[in-house]
């Protein structure tokens, strides 16, 4: 029975912390736009992996190499 005097306040503290975290995130605008981040990854600008300099990137499928000369 003594364990309840420890577990119940700890559980209430966790619940209070979760509510505070949710309210802070909601006020900061974390939940304003839920669809754009999921769609943004589908429209990659150039298709190259991160960290590859533009000079070393291949044109990718369906993209023509610019004619030179």
N, C-alpha and C. Protein backbone atom coordinates (compact mmCIF):
# COMPACT_ATOMS: atom_id res chain seq x y z
N UNK A 1 0.81 -1.20 0.00
CA UNK A 1 0.00 0.00 0.00
C UNK A 1 0.86 1.26 0.00
N UNK A 2 2.04 1.18 0.54
CA UNK A 2 2.92 2.35 0.60
C UNK A 2 3.43 2.74 -0.79
N UNK A 3 3.53 1.78 -1.70
CA UNK A 3 4.02 2.08 -3.03
C UNK A 3 3.08 3.03 -3.77
N UNK A 4 1.80 2.99 -3.44
CA UNK A 4 0.85 3.91 -4.09
C UNK A 4 1.15 5.36 -3.75
N UNK A 5 1.72 5.60 -2.58
CA UNK A 5 2.06 6.98 -2.19
C UNK A 5 3.21 7.51 -3.04
N UNK A 6 3.93 6.64 -3.70
CA UNK A 6 5.02 7.06 -4.59
C UNK A 6 4.57 7.05 -6.04
N UNK A 7 3.89 5.98 -6.46
CA UNK A 7 3.55 5.80 -7.87
C UNK A 7 2.49 6.80 -8.34
N UNK A 8 1.49 7.07 -7.54
CA UNK A 8 0.42 7.98 -7.96
C UNK A 8 0.94 9.40 -8.18
N UNK A 9 1.72 9.99 -7.27
CA UNK A 9 2.25 11.33 -7.55
C UNK A 9 3.21 11.37 -8.75
N UNK A 10 3.99 10.30 -8.93
CA UNK A 10 4.89 10.26 -10.09
C UNK A 10 4.08 10.20 -11.38
N UNK A 11 3.03 9.40 -11.40
CA UNK A 11 2.17 9.32 -12.59
C UNK A 11 1.48 10.66 -12.86
N UNK A 12 1.01 11.31 -11.82
CA UNK A 12 0.38 12.63 -12.00
C UNK A 12 1.39 13.66 -12.50
N UNK A 13 2.62 13.55 -12.06
CA UNK A 13 3.66 14.47 -12.55
C UNK A 13 3.92 14.24 -14.04
N UNK A 14 3.96 12.97 -14.47
CA UNK A 14 4.15 12.67 -15.89
C UNK A 14 3.00 13.20 -16.73
N UNK A 15 1.79 13.03 -16.25
CA UNK A 15 0.62 13.52 -16.97
C UNK A 15 0.66 15.05 -17.06
N UNK A 16 1.00 15.70 -15.98
CA UNK A 16 1.09 17.17 -15.99
C UNK A 16 2.17 17.64 -16.95
N UNK A 17 3.31 16.95 -16.98
CA UNK A 17 4.39 17.32 -17.90
C UNK A 17 3.96 17.12 -19.35
N UNK A 18 3.22 16.06 -19.64
CA UNK A 18 2.75 15.83 -21.01
C UNK A 18 1.76 16.90 -21.43
N UNK A 19 0.88 17.31 -20.52
CA UNK A 19 -0.09 18.36 -20.85
C UNK A 19 0.63 19.68 -21.09
N UNK A 20 1.60 20.00 -20.26
CA UNK A 20 2.37 21.24 -20.44
C UNK A 20 3.12 21.22 -21.77
N UNK A 21 3.73 20.08 -22.12
CA UNK A 21 4.45 19.98 -23.39
C UNK A 21 3.51 20.14 -24.58
N UNK A 22 2.33 19.56 -24.50
CA UNK A 22 1.36 19.68 -25.58
C UNK A 22 0.89 21.12 -25.74
N UNK A 23 0.58 21.77 -24.64
CA UNK A 23 0.10 23.17 -24.72
C UNK A 23 1.19 24.08 -25.27
N UNK A 24 2.43 23.88 -24.86
CA UNK A 24 3.52 24.71 -25.38
C UNK A 24 3.71 24.48 -26.88
N UNK A 25 3.63 23.22 -27.33
CA UNK A 25 3.78 22.92 -28.76
C UNK A 25 2.63 23.50 -29.56
N UNK A 26 1.43 23.42 -29.03
CA UNK A 26 0.27 23.96 -29.75
C UNK A 26 0.35 25.48 -29.86
N UNK A 27 0.78 26.14 -28.82
CA UNK A 27 0.92 27.60 -28.87
C UNK A 27 2.06 28.05 -29.77
N UNK A 28 3.09 27.20 -29.92
CA UNK A 28 4.23 27.54 -30.77
C UNK A 28 3.93 27.28 -32.24
N UNK A 29 2.79 26.66 -32.56
CA UNK A 29 2.43 26.44 -33.96
C UNK A 29 2.90 25.12 -34.54
N UNK A 30 3.27 24.17 -33.70
CA UNK A 30 3.75 22.88 -34.19
C UNK A 30 2.68 22.10 -34.95
N UNK A 31 1.42 22.35 -34.68
CA UNK A 31 0.34 21.58 -35.29
C UNK A 31 -0.44 22.40 -36.31
N UNK A 32 0.10 23.51 -36.78
CA UNK A 32 -0.62 24.36 -37.73
C UNK A 32 -0.77 23.71 -39.10
N UNK A 33 0.31 23.13 -39.62
CA UNK A 33 0.28 22.54 -40.96
C UNK A 33 0.77 21.10 -40.87
N UNK A 34 -0.14 20.16 -40.93
CA UNK A 34 0.22 18.76 -40.77
C UNK A 34 0.45 18.05 -42.10
N UNK A 35 0.07 18.66 -43.23
CA UNK A 35 0.17 17.96 -44.51
C UNK A 35 1.40 18.35 -45.32
N UNK A 36 1.83 19.59 -45.29
CA UNK A 36 2.94 20.02 -46.12
C UNK A 36 4.24 19.28 -45.83
N UNK A 37 4.65 19.06 -44.57
CA UNK A 37 5.90 18.33 -44.36
C UNK A 37 5.88 16.91 -44.94
N UNK A 38 4.74 16.26 -44.94
CA UNK A 38 4.67 14.91 -45.50
C UNK A 38 4.75 14.93 -47.02
N UNK A 39 4.28 15.98 -47.64
CA UNK A 39 4.30 16.08 -49.10
C UNK A 39 5.62 16.65 -49.60
N UNK A 40 6.27 17.47 -48.80
CA UNK A 40 7.50 18.15 -49.21
C UNK A 40 8.58 17.17 -49.64
N UNK A 41 8.66 16.02 -48.99
CA UNK A 41 9.72 15.06 -49.34
C UNK A 41 9.49 14.44 -50.71
N UNK A 42 8.29 14.51 -51.25
CA UNK A 42 8.02 13.93 -52.56
C UNK A 42 8.52 14.80 -53.70
N UNK A 43 8.73 16.07 -53.45
CA UNK A 43 9.14 17.01 -54.48
C UNK A 43 10.56 17.48 -54.23
N UNK A 44 11.51 16.60 -54.48
CA UNK A 44 12.91 16.93 -54.30
C UNK A 44 13.35 17.85 -55.43
N UNK A 45 14.15 18.84 -55.11
CA UNK A 45 14.57 19.82 -56.10
C UNK A 45 15.43 19.22 -57.20
N UNK A 46 16.47 18.49 -56.83
CA UNK A 46 17.38 18.01 -57.86
C UNK A 46 17.62 16.50 -57.80
N UNK A 47 17.18 15.83 -56.80
CA UNK A 47 17.32 14.38 -56.73
C UNK A 47 18.67 13.89 -56.28
N UNK A 48 19.60 14.78 -56.01
CA UNK A 48 20.93 14.36 -55.59
C UNK A 48 20.97 14.15 -54.08
N UNK A 49 21.78 13.20 -53.63
CA UNK A 49 21.91 13.02 -52.19
C UNK A 49 22.54 14.24 -51.54
N UNK A 50 22.28 14.42 -50.28
CA UNK A 50 22.82 15.57 -49.56
C UNK A 50 24.34 15.48 -49.51
N UNK A 51 25.00 16.59 -49.65
CA UNK A 51 26.44 16.65 -49.57
C UNK A 51 27.16 16.49 -50.89
N UNK A 52 26.45 16.24 -51.98
CA UNK A 52 27.08 16.10 -53.29
C UNK A 52 27.12 17.47 -53.95
N UNK A 53 28.31 17.94 -54.32
CA UNK A 53 28.40 19.26 -54.97
C UNK A 53 27.65 19.28 -56.30
N UNK A 54 27.12 20.44 -56.71
CA UNK A 54 26.35 20.52 -57.95
C UNK A 54 27.14 20.07 -59.18
N UNK A 55 28.46 20.22 -59.19
CA UNK A 55 29.25 19.85 -60.36
C UNK A 55 29.29 18.34 -60.55
N UNK A 56 29.10 17.54 -59.49
CA UNK A 56 29.21 16.09 -59.57
C UNK A 56 27.86 15.40 -59.68
N UNK A 57 26.79 16.15 -59.72
CA UNK A 57 25.46 15.55 -59.76
C UNK A 57 25.10 15.10 -61.16
N UNK A 58 24.48 13.94 -61.26
CA UNK A 58 23.99 13.47 -62.55
C UNK A 58 22.64 14.10 -62.81
N UNK A 59 22.22 14.19 -64.08
CA UNK A 59 20.95 14.85 -64.37
C UNK A 59 19.75 14.08 -63.85
N UNK A 60 19.88 12.80 -63.58
CA UNK A 60 18.76 12.02 -63.05
C UNK A 60 17.87 11.51 -64.16
N UNK A 61 16.96 10.62 -63.82
CA UNK A 61 16.09 10.04 -64.85
C UNK A 61 15.12 11.09 -65.43
N UNK A 62 15.02 11.09 -66.75
CA UNK A 62 14.09 12.02 -67.41
C UNK A 62 14.62 13.41 -67.57
N UNK A 63 15.85 13.63 -67.21
CA UNK A 63 16.43 14.98 -67.35
C UNK A 63 17.59 14.92 -68.33
N UNK A 64 17.57 15.81 -69.26
CA UNK A 64 18.60 15.82 -70.29
C UNK A 64 19.81 16.62 -69.82
N UNK A 65 20.97 16.16 -70.23
CA UNK A 65 22.21 16.89 -69.96
C UNK A 65 22.22 18.10 -70.89
N UNK A 66 22.55 19.31 -70.38
CA UNK A 66 22.60 20.46 -71.26
C UNK A 66 23.68 20.30 -72.33
N UNK A 67 23.36 20.69 -73.56
CA UNK A 67 24.32 20.57 -74.66
C UNK A 67 25.37 21.67 -74.53
N UNK A 68 26.60 21.26 -74.77
CA UNK A 68 27.69 22.23 -74.65
C UNK A 68 28.38 22.35 -76.01
N UNK A 69 28.72 23.57 -76.31
CA UNK A 69 29.54 23.81 -77.46
C UNK A 69 28.84 23.98 -78.70
